[in-house]
Amino acid sequence: MKPRTYACGLDAAIDVIGGRWKALILWALHHGPMRTGELRRSVSGISEKMLIQVLREMEADQIVHREVFHEVPPRVEYSLTPQGMKLNDALLPLGDWGEDNMTDIARRRGVQPPVRH
């Protein structure tokens, strides 16, 4: 199989954050380290199996750091690496755009509109 080449920087970035869950996990880790259960509660709709799979991919891409605390019971925390923090910062304008347009997008796609508090 021929090795993949990227057409541009955006192509490489999308390869790292592509899929339904990665950007949401990045966003959840923005405020600091989280345990697996906390992440699962923060990323609505993700199964534990999918969360673990995606976290492994993100760890391999060096945007998430996994730390195991050798205690009883064992504890594992995930945090953003410096590269992950920069990627998350790059997603901030995209999140702002989504916030500004969420109601219209939801209406056009037949999705339940967001509940504003």
PDB file of N, CA and C in Angstrom:
ATOM      1  N   MET A   1       0.835  -1.180   0.000  1.00  0.00           N
ATOM      2  CA  MET A   1       0.000   0.000   0.000  1.00  0.00           C
ATOM      3  C   MET A   1       0.886   1.252   0.000  1.00  0.00           C
ATOM      4  N   LYS A   2       0.536   2.209  -0.816  1.00  0.00           N
ATOM      5  CA  LYS A   2       1.303   3.437  -0.962  1.00  0.00           C
ATOM      6  C   LYS A   2       1.109   4.312   0.281  1.00  0.00           C
ATOM      7  N   PRO A   3       2.208   4.867   0.859  1.00  0.00           N
ATOM      8  CA  PRO A   3       2.069   5.748   2.015  1.00  0.00           C
ATOM      9  C   PRO A   3       1.260   6.992   1.659  1.00  0.00           C
ATOM     10  N   ARG A   4       0.484   7.449   2.604  1.00  0.00           N
ATOM     11  CA  ARG A   4      -0.348   8.625   2.379  1.00  0.00           C
ATOM     12  C   ARG A   4       0.506   9.883   2.383  1.00  0.00           C
ATOM     13  N   THR A   5       0.165  10.822   1.534  1.00  0.00           N
ATOM     14  CA  THR A   5       0.777  12.144   1.559  1.00  0.00           C
ATOM     15  C   THR A   5      -0.335  13.156   1.785  1.00  0.00           C
ATOM     16  N   TYR A   6       0.000  14.200   2.504  1.00  0.00           N
ATOM     17  CA  TYR A   6      -0.991  15.240   2.785  1.00  0.00           C
ATOM     18  C   TYR A   6      -0.937  16.313   1.711  1.00  0.00           C
ATOM     19  N   ALA A   7      -2.104  16.784   1.312  1.00  0.00           N
ATOM     20  CA  ALA A   7      -2.188  17.829   0.298  1.00  0.00           C
ATOM     21  C   ALA A   7      -1.844  19.193   0.878  1.00  0.00           C
ATOM     22  N   CYS A   8      -2.111  19.375   2.193  1.00  0.00           N
ATOM     23  CA  CYS A   8      -1.854  20.655   2.851  1.00  0.00           C
ATOM     24  C   CYS A   8      -1.932  20.443   4.365  1.00  0.00           C
ATOM     25  N   GLY A   9      -1.647  21.502   5.115  1.00  0.00           N
ATOM     26  CA  GLY A   9      -1.693  21.416   6.571  1.00  0.00           C
ATOM     27  C   GLY A   9      -3.073  21.077   7.103  1.00  0.00           C
ATOM     28  N   LEU A  10      -4.112  21.592   6.462  1.00  0.00           N
ATOM     29  CA  LEU A  10      -5.477  21.290   6.903  1.00  0.00           C
ATOM     30  C   LEU A  10      -5.771  19.801   6.753  1.00  0.00           C
ATOM     31  N   ASP A  11      -5.277  19.199   5.694  1.00  0.00           N
ATOM     32  CA  ASP A  11      -5.440  17.762   5.471  1.00  0.00           C
ATOM     33  C   ASP A  11      -4.819  16.973   6.627  1.00  0.00           C
ATOM     34  N   ALA A  12      -3.609  17.371   7.054  1.00  0.00           N
ATOM     35  CA  ALA A  12      -2.938  16.699   8.172  1.00  0.00           C
ATOM     36  C   ALA A  12      -3.713  16.897   9.475  1.00  0.00           C
ATOM     37  N   ALA A  13      -4.178  18.125   9.713  1.00  0.00           N
ATOM     38  CA  ALA A  13      -4.921  18.415  10.950  1.00  0.00           C
ATOM     39  C   ALA A  13      -6.225  17.627  11.011  1.00  0.00           C
ATOM     40  N   ILE A  14      -6.944  17.564   9.897  1.00  0.00           N
ATOM     41  CA  ILE A  14      -8.205  16.815   9.860  1.00  0.00           C
ATOM     42  C   ILE A  14      -7.944  15.332  10.074  1.00  0.00           C
ATOM     43  N   ASP A  15      -6.810  14.837   9.590  1.00  0.00           N
ATOM     44  CA  ASP A  15      -6.453  13.434   9.809  1.00  0.00           C
ATOM     45  C   ASP A  15      -6.296  13.150  11.310  1.00  0.00           C
ATOM     46  N   VAL A  16      -5.773  14.119  12.055  1.00  0.00           N
ATOM     47  CA  VAL A  16      -5.564  13.939  13.497  1.00  0.00           C
ATOM     48  C   VAL A  16      -6.864  14.103  14.288  1.00  0.00           C
ATOM     49  N   ILE A  17      -7.734  15.028  13.897  1.00  0.00           N
ATOM     50  CA  ILE A  17      -8.952  15.276  14.687  1.00  0.00           C
ATOM     51  C   ILE A  17     -10.209  14.730  14.029  1.00  0.00           C
ATOM     52  N   GLY A  18     -10.054  14.031  12.911  1.00  0.00           N
ATOM     53  CA  GLY A  18     -11.214  13.523  12.184  1.00  0.00           C
ATOM     54  C   GLY A  18     -12.042  12.558  13.008  1.00  0.00           C
ATOM     55  N   GLY A  19     -13.263  12.373  12.596  1.00  0.00           N
ATOM     56  CA  GLY A  19     -14.177  11.495  13.306  1.00  0.00           C
ATOM     57  C   GLY A  19     -15.086  12.295  14.220  1.00  0.00           C
ATOM     58  N   ARG A  20     -16.001  11.598  14.800  1.00  0.00           N
ATOM     59  CA  ARG A  20     -17.033  12.251  15.603  1.00  0.00           C
ATOM     60  C   ARG A  20     -16.541  12.711  16.971  1.00  0.00           C
ATOM     61  N   TRP A  21     -15.552  12.035  17.540  1.00  0.00           N
ATOM     62  CA  TRP A  21     -15.270  12.202  18.963  1.00  0.00           C
ATOM     63  C   TRP A  21     -14.032  13.000  19.313  1.00  0.00           C
ATOM     64  N   LYS A  22     -13.023  13.023  18.474  1.00  0.00           N
ATOM     65  CA  LYS A  22     -11.728  13.575  18.864  1.00  0.00           C
ATOM     66  C   LYS A  22     -11.788  15.049  19.255  1.00  0.00           C
ATOM     67  N   ALA A  23     -12.448  15.862  18.481  1.00  0.00           N
ATOM     68  CA  ALA A  23     -12.538  17.285  18.822  1.00  0.00           C
ATOM     69  C   ALA A  23     -13.296  17.478  20.126  1.00  0.00           C
ATOM     70  N   LEU A  24     -14.316  16.647  20.380  1.00  0.00           N
ATOM     71  CA  LEU A  24     -15.078  16.765  21.625  1.00  0.00           C
ATOM     72  C   LEU A  24     -14.230  16.356  22.830  1.00  0.00           C
ATOM     73  N   ILE A  25     -13.390  15.358  22.659  1.00  0.00           N
ATOM     74  CA  ILE A  25     -12.479  14.946  23.734  1.00  0.00           C
ATOM     75  C   ILE A  25     -11.449  16.050  23.982  1.00  0.00           C
ATOM     76  N   LEU A  26     -10.896  16.612  22.915  1.00  0.00           N
ATOM     77  CA  LEU A  26      -9.969  17.738  23.063  1.00  0.00           C
ATOM     78  C   LEU A  26     -10.619  18.866  23.855  1.00  0.00           C
ATOM     79  N   TRP A  27     -11.848  19.175  23.487  1.00  0.00           N
ATOM     80  CA  TRP A  27     -12.579  20.259  24.143  1.00  0.00           C
ATOM     81  C   TRP A  27     -12.792  19.948  25.621  1.00  0.00           C
ATOM     82  N   ALA A  28     -13.143  18.705  25.938  1.00  0.00           N
ATOM     83  CA  ALA A  28     -13.381  18.299  27.331  1.00  0.00           C
ATOM     84  C   ALA A  28     -12.099  18.396  28.163  1.00  0.00           C
ATOM     85  N   LEU A  29     -10.948  18.124  27.554  1.00  0.00           N
ATOM     86  CA  LEU A  29      -9.682  18.157  28.282  1.00  0.00           C
ATOM     87  C   LEU A  29      -9.085  19.556  28.377  1.00  0.00           C
ATOM     88  N   HIS A  30      -9.759  20.532  27.811  1.00  0.00           N
ATOM     89  CA  HIS A  30      -9.250  21.899  27.760  1.00  0.00           C
ATOM     90  C   HIS A  30      -8.976  22.468  29.153  1.00  0.00           C
ATOM     91  N   HIS A  31      -9.780  22.111  30.135  1.00  0.00           N
ATOM     92  CA  HIS A  31      -9.647  22.697  31.473  1.00  0.00           C
ATOM     93  C   HIS A  31      -8.756  21.899  32.406  1.00  0.00           C
ATOM     94  N   GLY A  32      -8.201  20.795  31.926  1.00  0.00           N
ATOM     95  CA  GLY A  32      -7.280  20.044  32.760  1.00  0.00           C
ATOM     96  C   GLY A  32      -7.490  18.548  32.665  1.00  0.00           C
ATOM     97  N   PRO A  33      -6.633  17.789  33.376  1.00  0.00           N
ATOM     98  CA  PRO A  33      -6.680  16.328  33.321  1.00  0.00           C
ATOM     99  C   PRO A  33      -8.028  15.771  33.783  1.00  0.00           C
ATOM    100  N   MET A  34      -8.398  14.644  33.176  1.00  0.00           N
ATOM    101  CA  MET A  34      -9.646  13.977  33.537  1.00  0.00           C
ATOM    102  C   MET A  34      -9.431  12.470  33.553  1.00  0.00           C
ATOM    103  N   ARG A  35     -10.170  11.815  34.418  1.00  0.00           N
ATOM    104  CA  ARG A  35     -10.174  10.359  34.434  1.00  0.00           C
ATOM    105  C   ARG A  35     -11.120   9.866  33.348  1.00  0.00           C
ATOM    106  N   THR A  36     -11.010   8.579  33.029  1.00  0.00           N
ATOM    107  CA  THR A  36     -11.802   8.001  31.944  1.00  0.00           C
ATOM    108  C   THR A  36     -13.296   8.207  32.158  1.00  0.00           C
ATOM    109  N   GLY A  37     -13.778   7.946  33.363  1.00  0.00           N
ATOM    110  CA  GLY A  37     -15.211   8.106  33.652  1.00  0.00           C
ATOM    111  C   GLY A  37     -15.678   9.538  33.505  1.00  0.00           C
ATOM    112  N   GLU A  38     -14.848  10.488  33.933  1.00  0.00           N
ATOM    113  CA  GLU A  38     -15.187  11.905  33.787  1.00  0.00           C
ATOM    114  C   GLU A  38     -15.295  12.274  32.316  1.00  0.00           C
ATOM    115  N   LEU A  39     -14.341  11.791  31.521  1.00  0.00           N
ATOM    116  CA  LEU A  39     -14.370  12.067  30.081  1.00  0.00           C
ATOM    117  C   LEU A  39     -15.625  11.493  29.444  1.00  0.00           C
ATOM    118  N   ARG A  40     -15.959  10.274  29.829  1.00  0.00           N
ATOM    119  CA  ARG A  40     -17.138   9.626  29.243  1.00  0.00           C
ATOM    120  C   ARG A  40     -18.407  10.421  29.554  1.00  0.00           C
ATOM    121  N   ARG A  41     -18.501  10.946  30.764  1.00  0.00           N
ATOM    122  CA  ARG A  41     -19.668  11.768  31.118  1.00  0.00           C
ATOM    123  C   ARG A  41     -19.654  13.112  30.388  1.00  0.00           C
ATOM    124  N   SER A  42     -18.460  13.627  30.102  1.00  0.00           N
ATOM    125  CA  SER A  42     -18.339  14.921  29.431  1.00  0.00           C
ATOM    126  C   SER A  42     -18.627  14.851  27.936  1.00  0.00           C
ATOM    127  N   VAL A  43     -18.380  13.687  27.347  1.00  0.00           N
ATOM    128  CA  VAL A  43     -18.575  13.510  25.907  1.00  0.00           C
ATOM    129  C   VAL A  43     -19.846  12.672  25.726  1.00  0.00           C
ATOM    130  N   SER A  44     -20.943  13.345  25.640  1.00  0.00           N
ATOM    131  CA  SER A  44     -22.248  12.693  25.593  1.00  0.00           C
ATOM    132  C   SER A  44     -22.385  11.745  24.402  1.00  0.00           C
ATOM    133  N   GLY A  45     -22.804  10.507  24.690  1.00  0.00           N
ATOM    134  CA  GLY A  45     -23.100   9.551  23.634  1.00  0.00           C
ATOM    135  C   GLY A  45     -21.974   8.593  23.294  1.00  0.00           C
ATOM    136  N   ILE A  46     -20.775   8.804  23.821  1.00  0.00           N
ATOM    137  CA  ILE A  46     -19.662   7.925  23.482  1.00  0.00           C
ATOM    138  C   ILE A  46     -19.676   6.696  24.397  1.00  0.00           C
ATOM    139  N   SER A  47     -19.409   5.539  23.822  1.00  0.00           N
ATOM    140  CA  SER A  47     -19.319   4.315  24.627  1.00  0.00           C
ATOM    141  C   SER A  47     -17.927   4.233  25.246  1.00  0.00           C
ATOM    142  N   GLU A  48     -17.795   3.440  26.290  1.00  0.00           N
ATOM    143  CA  GLU A  48     -16.485   3.292  26.927  1.00  0.00           C
ATOM    144  C   GLU A  48     -15.472   2.690  25.959  1.00  0.00           C
ATOM    145  N   LYS A  49     -15.911   1.703  25.188  1.00  0.00           N
ATOM    146  CA  LYS A  49     -15.027   1.059  24.210  1.00  0.00           C
ATOM    147  C   LYS A  49     -14.518   2.072  23.181  1.00  0.00           C
ATOM    148  N   MET A  50     -15.418   2.891  22.653  1.00  0.00           N
ATOM    149  CA  MET A  50     -15.028   3.896  21.656  1.00  0.00           C
ATOM    150  C   MET A  50     -14.124   4.954  22.285  1.00  0.00           C
ATOM    151  N   LEU A  51     -14.429   5.367  23.508  1.00  0.00           N
ATOM    152  CA  LEU A  51     -13.605   6.355  24.188  1.00  0.00           C
ATOM    153  C   LEU A  51     -12.167   5.855  24.325  1.00  0.00           C
ATOM    154  N   ILE A  52     -12.003   4.627  24.784  1.00  0.00           N
ATOM    155  CA  ILE A  52     -10.666   4.055  24.960  1.00  0.00           C
ATOM    156  C   ILE A  52      -9.940   3.975  23.616  1.00  0.00           C
ATOM    157  N   GLN A  53     -10.643   3.551  22.567  1.00  0.00           N
ATOM    158  CA  GLN A  53     -10.036   3.444  21.231  1.00  0.00           C
ATOM    159  C   GLN A  53      -9.565   4.806  20.735  1.00  0.00           C
ATOM    160  N   VAL A  54     -10.422   5.809  20.871  1.00  0.00           N
ATOM    161  CA  VAL A  54     -10.081   7.148  20.384  1.00  0.00           C
ATOM    162  C   VAL A  54      -8.946   7.742  21.219  1.00  0.00           C
ATOM    163  N   LEU A  55      -8.976   7.532  22.540  1.00  0.00           N
ATOM    164  CA  LEU A  55      -7.893   8.039  23.380  1.00  0.00           C
ATOM    165  C   LEU A  55      -6.557   7.406  22.999  1.00  0.00           C
ATOM    166  N   ARG A  56      -6.555   6.130  22.651  1.00  0.00           N
ATOM    167  CA  ARG A  56      -5.317   5.467  22.209  1.00  0.00           C
ATOM    168  C   ARG A  56      -4.793   6.098  20.917  1.00  0.00           C
ATOM    169  N   GLU A  57      -5.706   6.395  19.982  1.00  0.00           N
ATOM    170  CA  GLU A  57      -5.296   7.047  18.736  1.00  0.00           C
ATOM    171  C   GLU A  57      -4.718   8.431  19.018  1.00  0.00           C
ATOM    172  N   MET A  58      -5.362   9.162  19.915  1.00  0.00           N
ATOM    173  CA  MET A  58      -4.906  10.508  20.244  1.00  0.00           C
ATOM    174  C   MET A  58      -3.563  10.468  20.980  1.00  0.00           C
ATOM    175  N   GLU A  59      -3.367   9.442  21.790  1.00  0.00           N
ATOM    176  CA  GLU A  59      -2.081   9.265  22.466  1.00  0.00           C
ATOM    177  C   GLU A  59      -0.986   8.953  21.441  1.00  0.00           C
ATOM    178  N   ALA A  60      -1.300   8.104  20.471  1.00  0.00           N
ATOM    179  CA  ALA A  60      -0.333   7.771  19.413  1.00  0.00           C
ATOM    180  C   ALA A  60       0.029   9.008  18.589  1.00  0.00           C
ATOM    181  N   ASP A  61      -0.939   9.925  18.420  1.00  0.00           N
ATOM    182  CA  ASP A  61      -0.684  11.175  17.688  1.00  0.00           C
ATOM    183  C   ASP A  61      -0.030  12.240  18.574  1.00  0.00           C
ATOM    184  N   GLN A  62       0.217  11.893  19.830  1.00  0.00           N
ATOM    185  CA  GLN A  62       0.878  12.770  20.799  1.00  0.00           C
ATOM    186  C   GLN A  62       0.134  14.066  21.068  1.00  0.00           C
ATOM    187  N   ILE A  63      -1.197  13.991  21.049  1.00  0.00           N
ATOM    188  CA  ILE A  63      -1.987  15.156  21.442  1.00  0.00           C
ATOM    189  C   ILE A  63      -2.632  14.948  22.813  1.00  0.00           C
ATOM    190  N   VAL A  64      -2.620  13.702  23.291  1.00  0.00           N
ATOM    191  CA  VAL A  64      -3.132  13.368  24.619  1.00  0.00           C
ATOM    192  C   VAL A  64      -2.066  12.561  25.354  1.00  0.00           C
ATOM    193  N   HIS A  65      -1.929  12.853  26.645  1.00  0.00           N
ATOM    194  CA  HIS A  65      -0.999  12.122  27.505  1.00  0.00           C
ATOM    195  C   HIS A  65      -1.809  11.270  28.477  1.00  0.00           C
ATOM    196  N   ARG A  66      -1.409  10.022  28.626  1.00  0.00           N
ATOM    197  CA  ARG A  66      -2.052   9.092  29.554  1.00  0.00           C
ATOM    198  C   ARG A  66      -1.097   8.855  30.710  1.00  0.00           C
ATOM    199  N   GLU A  67      -1.577   9.104  31.934  1.00  0.00           N
ATOM    200  CA  GLU A  67      -0.752   8.882  33.114  1.00  0.00           C
ATOM    201  C   GLU A  67      -1.435   7.878  34.020  1.00  0.00           C
ATOM    202  N   VAL A  68      -0.684   6.836  34.369  1.00  0.00           N
ATOM    203  CA  VAL A  68      -1.191   5.785  35.251  1.00  0.00           C
ATOM    204  C   VAL A  68      -0.609   6.022  36.636  1.00  0.00           C
ATOM    205  N   PHE A  69      -1.494   6.104  37.623  1.00  0.00           N
ATOM    206  CA  PHE A  69      -1.082   6.250  39.012  1.00  0.00           C
ATOM    207  C   PHE A  69      -1.155   4.870  39.653  1.00  0.00           C
ATOM    208  N   HIS A  70      -0.030   4.401  40.147  1.00  0.00           N
ATOM    209  CA  HIS A  70       0.043   3.057  40.715  1.00  0.00           C
ATOM    210  C   HIS A  70      -0.419   3.105  42.163  1.00  0.00           C
ATOM    211  N   GLU A  71      -1.720   3.055  42.332  1.00  0.00           N
ATOM    212  CA  GLU A  71      -2.341   3.034  43.643  1.00  0.00           C
ATOM    213  C   GLU A  71      -3.448   2.001  43.613  1.00  0.00           C
ATOM    214  N   VAL A  72      -4.072   1.772  44.739  1.00  0.00           N
ATOM    215  CA  VAL A  72      -5.159   0.798  44.808  1.00  0.00           C
ATOM    216  C   VAL A  72      -6.432   1.556  45.142  1.00  0.00           C
ATOM    217  N   PRO A  73      -7.441   1.522  44.272  1.00  0.00           N
ATOM    218  CA  PRO A  73      -7.437   0.961  42.924  1.00  0.00           C
ATOM    219  C   PRO A  73      -6.619   1.848  41.968  1.00  0.00           C
ATOM    220  N   PRO A  74      -6.135   1.251  40.856  1.00  0.00           N
ATOM    221  CA  PRO A  74      -5.333   2.041  39.909  1.00  0.00           C
ATOM    222  C   PRO A  74      -6.141   3.206  39.341  1.00  0.00           C
ATOM    223  N   ARG A  75      -5.453   4.300  39.077  1.00  0.00           N
ATOM    224  CA  ARG A  75      -6.104   5.492  38.540  1.00  0.00           C
ATOM    225  C   ARG A  75      -5.369   5.905  37.275  1.00  0.00           C
ATOM    226  N   VAL A  76      -6.135   6.282  36.258  1.00  0.00           N
ATOM    227  CA  VAL A  76      -5.575   6.742  34.986  1.00  0.00           C
ATOM    228  C   VAL A  76      -6.159   8.111  34.688  1.00  0.00           C
ATOM    229  N   GLU A  77      -5.304   9.055  34.328  1.00  0.00           N
ATOM    230  CA  GLU A  77      -5.755  10.384  33.935  1.00  0.00           C
ATOM    231  C   GLU A  77      -5.243  10.711  32.541  1.00  0.00           C
ATOM    232  N   TYR A  78      -6.055  11.458  31.818  1.00  0.00           N
ATOM    233  CA  TYR A  78      -5.692  11.922  30.485  1.00  0.00           C
ATOM    234  C   TYR A  78      -5.593  13.443  30.518  1.00  0.00           C
ATOM    235  N   SER A  79      -4.608  13.960  29.808  1.00  0.00           N
ATOM    236  CA  SER A  79      -4.425  15.399  29.706  1.00  0.00           C
ATOM    237  C   SER A  79      -3.916  15.728  28.310  1.00  0.00           C
ATOM    238  N   LEU A  80      -3.970  16.999  27.981  1.00  0.00           N
ATOM    239  CA  LEU A  80      -3.457  17.446  26.687  1.00  0.00           C
ATOM    240  C   LEU A  80      -1.957  17.629  26.763  1.00  0.00           C
ATOM    241  N   THR A  81      -1.274  17.227  25.724  1.00  0.00           N
ATOM    242  CA  THR A  81       0.149  17.522  25.582  1.00  0.00           C
ATOM    243  C   THR A  81       0.262  18.972  25.104  1.00  0.00           C
ATOM    244  N   PRO A  82       1.456  19.552  25.108  1.00  0.00           N
ATOM    245  CA  PRO A  82       1.599  20.902  24.537  1.00  0.00           C
ATOM    246  C   PRO A  82       1.080  20.980  23.094  1.00  0.00           C
ATOM    247  N   GLN A  83       1.329  19.935  22.308  1.00  0.00           N
ATOM    248  CA  GLN A  83       0.825  19.906  20.927  1.00  0.00           C
ATOM    249  C   GLN A  83      -0.707  19.846  20.921  1.00  0.00           C
ATOM    250  N   GLY A  84      -1.285  19.093  21.846  1.00  0.00           N
ATOM    251  CA  GLY A  84      -2.740  19.011  21.963  1.00  0.00           C
ATOM    252  C   GLY A  84      -3.351  20.339  22.372  1.00  0.00           C
ATOM    253  N   MET A  85      -2.660  21.080  23.263  1.00  0.00           N
ATOM    254  CA  MET A  85      -3.153  22.400  23.684  1.00  0.00           C
ATOM    255  C   MET A  85      -3.170  23.367  22.500  1.00  0.00           C
ATOM    256  N   LYS A  86      -2.116  23.312  21.681  1.00  0.00           N
ATOM    257  CA  LYS A  86      -2.076  24.186  20.501  1.00  0.00           C
ATOM    258  C   LYS A  86      -3.195  23.829  19.521  1.00  0.00           C
ATOM    259  N   LEU A  87      -3.435  22.526  19.360  1.00  0.00           N
ATOM    260  CA  LEU A  87      -4.515  22.089  18.473  1.00  0.00           C
ATOM    261  C   LEU A  87      -5.865  22.545  19.016  1.00  0.00           C
ATOM    262  N   ASN A  88      -6.057  22.424  20.315  1.00  0.00           N
ATOM    263  CA  ASN A  88      -7.307  22.862  20.929  1.00  0.00           C
ATOM    264  C   ASN A  88      -7.504  24.372  20.747  1.00  0.00           C
ATOM    265  N   ASP A  89      -6.424  25.133  20.912  1.00  0.00           N
ATOM    266  CA  ASP A  89      -6.506  26.579  20.689  1.00  0.00           C
ATOM    267  C   ASP A  89      -6.905  26.894  19.250  1.00  0.00           C
ATOM    268  N   ALA A  90      -6.420  26.078  18.305  1.00  0.00           N
ATOM    269  CA  ALA A  90      -6.781  26.282  16.900  1.00  0.00           C
ATOM    270  C   ALA A  90      -8.259  25.996  16.653  1.00  0.00           C
ATOM    271  N   LEU A  91      -8.869  25.157  17.501  1.00  0.00           N
ATOM    272  CA  LEU A  91     -10.285  24.822  17.340  1.00  0.00           C
ATOM    273  C   LEU A  91     -11.216  25.867  17.945  1.00  0.00           C
ATOM    274  N   LEU A  92     -10.686  26.773  18.779  1.00  0.00           N
ATOM    275  CA  LEU A  92     -11.531  27.778  19.429  1.00  0.00           C
ATOM    276  C   LEU A  92     -12.364  28.593  18.430  1.00  0.00           C
ATOM    277  N   PRO A  93     -11.778  29.131  17.342  1.00  0.00           N
ATOM    278  CA  PRO A  93     -12.607  29.878  16.390  1.00  0.00           C
ATOM    279  C   PRO A  93     -13.685  29.009  15.739  1.00  0.00           C
ATOM    280  N   LEU A  94     -13.391  27.740  15.522  1.00  0.00           N
ATOM    281  CA  LEU A  94     -14.389  26.838  14.956  1.00  0.00           C
ATOM    282  C   LEU A  94     -15.542  26.647  15.945  1.00  0.00           C
ATOM    283  N   GLY A  95     -15.213  26.507  17.222  1.00  0.00           N
ATOM    284  CA  GLY A  95     -16.243  26.396  18.254  1.00  0.00           C
ATOM    285  C   GLY A  95     -17.089  27.650  18.341  1.00  0.00           C
ATOM    286  N   ASP A  96     -16.446  28.815  18.223  1.00  0.00           N
ATOM    287  CA  ASP A  96     -17.188  30.083  18.236  1.00  0.00           C
ATOM    288  C   ASP A  96     -18.153  30.159  17.059  1.00  0.00           C
ATOM    289  N   TRP A  97     -17.674  29.755  15.890  1.00  0.00           N
ATOM    290  CA  TRP A  97     -18.529  29.751  14.707  1.00  0.00           C
ATOM    291  C   TRP A  97     -19.727  28.829  14.924  1.00  0.00           C
ATOM    292  N   GLY A  98     -19.468  27.649  15.482  1.00  0.00           N
ATOM    293  CA  GLY A  98     -20.541  26.706  15.762  1.00  0.00           C
ATOM    294  C   GLY A  98     -21.558  27.264  16.734  1.00  0.00           C
ATOM    295  N   GLU A  99     -21.076  27.937  17.788  1.00  0.00           N
ATOM    296  CA  GLU A  99     -21.988  28.558  18.761  1.00  0.00           C
ATOM    297  C   GLU A  99     -22.866  29.606  18.084  1.00  0.00           C
ATOM    298  N   ASP A 100     -22.245  30.438  17.242  1.00  0.00           N
ATOM    299  CA  ASP A 100     -22.980  31.507  16.563  1.00  0.00           C
ATOM    300  C   ASP A 100     -24.038  30.966  15.601  1.00  0.00           C
ATOM    301  N   ASN A 101     -23.816  29.778  15.048  1.00  0.00           N
ATOM    302  CA  ASN A 101     -24.692  29.250  14.004  1.00  0.00           C
ATOM    303  C   ASN A 101     -25.443  27.982  14.398  1.00  0.00           C
ATOM    304  N   MET A 102     -25.316  27.543  15.649  1.00  0.00           N
ATOM    305  CA  MET A 102     -25.860  26.258  16.080  1.00  0.00           C
ATOM    306  C   MET A 102     -27.371  26.136  15.865  1.00  0.00           C
ATOM    307  N   THR A 103     -28.114  27.144  16.207  1.00  0.00           N
ATOM    308  CA  THR A 103     -29.567  27.075  16.068  1.00  0.00           C
ATOM    309  C   THR A 103     -29.970  26.897  14.607  1.00  0.00           C
ATOM    310  N   ASP A 104     -29.370  27.676  13.708  1.00  0.00           N
ATOM    311  CA  ASP A 104     -29.684  27.564  12.279  1.00  0.00           C
ATOM    312  C   ASP A 104     -29.255  26.217  11.715  1.00  0.00           C
ATOM    313  N   ILE A 105     -28.072  25.748  12.116  1.00  0.00           N
ATOM    314  CA  ILE A 105     -27.589  24.446  11.645  1.00  0.00           C
ATOM    315  C   ILE A 105     -28.533  23.345  12.098  1.00  0.00           C
ATOM    316  N   ALA A 106     -28.922  23.391  13.374  1.00  0.00           N
ATOM    317  CA  ALA A 106     -29.831  22.373  13.922  1.00  0.00           C
ATOM    318  C   ALA A 106     -31.158  22.384  13.167  1.00  0.00           C
ATOM    319  N   ARG A 107     -31.674  23.564  12.898  1.00  0.00           N
ATOM    320  CA  ARG A 107     -32.956  23.674  12.171  1.00  0.00           C
ATOM    321  C   ARG A 107     -32.840  23.082  10.774  1.00  0.00           C
ATOM    322  N   ARG A 108     -31.780  23.430  10.048  1.00  0.00           N
ATOM    323  CA  ARG A 108     -31.609  22.933   8.681  1.00  0.00           C
ATOM    324  C   ARG A 108     -31.412  21.422   8.633  1.00  0.00           C
ATOM    325  N   ARG A 109     -30.779  20.870   9.655  1.00  0.00           N
ATOM    326  CA  ARG A 109     -30.480  19.437   9.658  1.00  0.00           C
ATOM    327  C   ARG A 109     -31.521  18.608  10.399  1.00  0.00           C
ATOM    328  N   GLY A 110     -32.535  19.273  10.936  1.00  0.00           N
ATOM    329  CA  GLY A 110     -33.576  18.544  11.638  1.00  0.00           C
ATOM    330  C   GLY A 110     -33.111  17.980  12.978  1.00  0.00           C
ATOM    331  N   VAL A 111     -32.149  18.678  13.585  1.00  0.00           N
ATOM    332  CA  VAL A 111     -31.610  18.269  14.881  1.00  0.00           C
ATOM    333  C   VAL A 111     -32.306  19.085  15.953  1.00  0.00           C
ATOM    334  N   GLN A 112     -32.443  18.503  17.125  1.00  0.00           N
ATOM    335  CA  GLN A 112     -33.042  19.222  18.247  1.00  0.00           C
ATOM    336  C   GLN A 112     -32.224  20.475  18.525  1.00  0.00           C
ATOM    337  N   PRO A 113     -32.859  21.651  18.571  1.00  0.00           N
ATOM    338  CA  PRO A 113     -32.095  22.872  18.826  1.00  0.00           C
ATOM    339  C   PRO A 113     -31.521  22.857  20.247  1.00  0.00           C
ATOM    340  N   PRO A 114     -30.422  23.575  20.455  1.00  0.00           N
ATOM    341  CA  PRO A 114     -29.789  23.591  21.776  1.00  0.00           C
ATOM    342  C   PRO A 114     -30.669  24.266  22.805  1.00  0.00           C
ATOM    343  N   VAL A 115     -30.526  23.827  24.050  1.00  0.00           N
ATOM    344  CA  VAL A 115     -31.220  24.463  25.161  1.00  0.00           C
ATOM    345  C   VAL A 115     -30.289  25.515  25.730  1.00  0.00           C
ATOM    346  N   ARG A 116     -30.714  26.758  25.725  1.00  0.00           N
ATOM    347  CA  ARG A 116     -29.890  27.867  26.226  1.00  0.00           C
ATOM    348  C   ARG A 116     -30.264  28.118  27.678  1.00  0.00           C
ATOM    349  N   HIS A 117     -29.250  28.273  28.506  1.00  0.00           N
ATOM    350  CA  HIS A 117     -29.475  28.554  29.933  1.00  0.00           C
ATOM    351  C   HIS A 117     -29.156  29.977  30.240  1.00  0.00           C
TER     352      HIS A 117
END
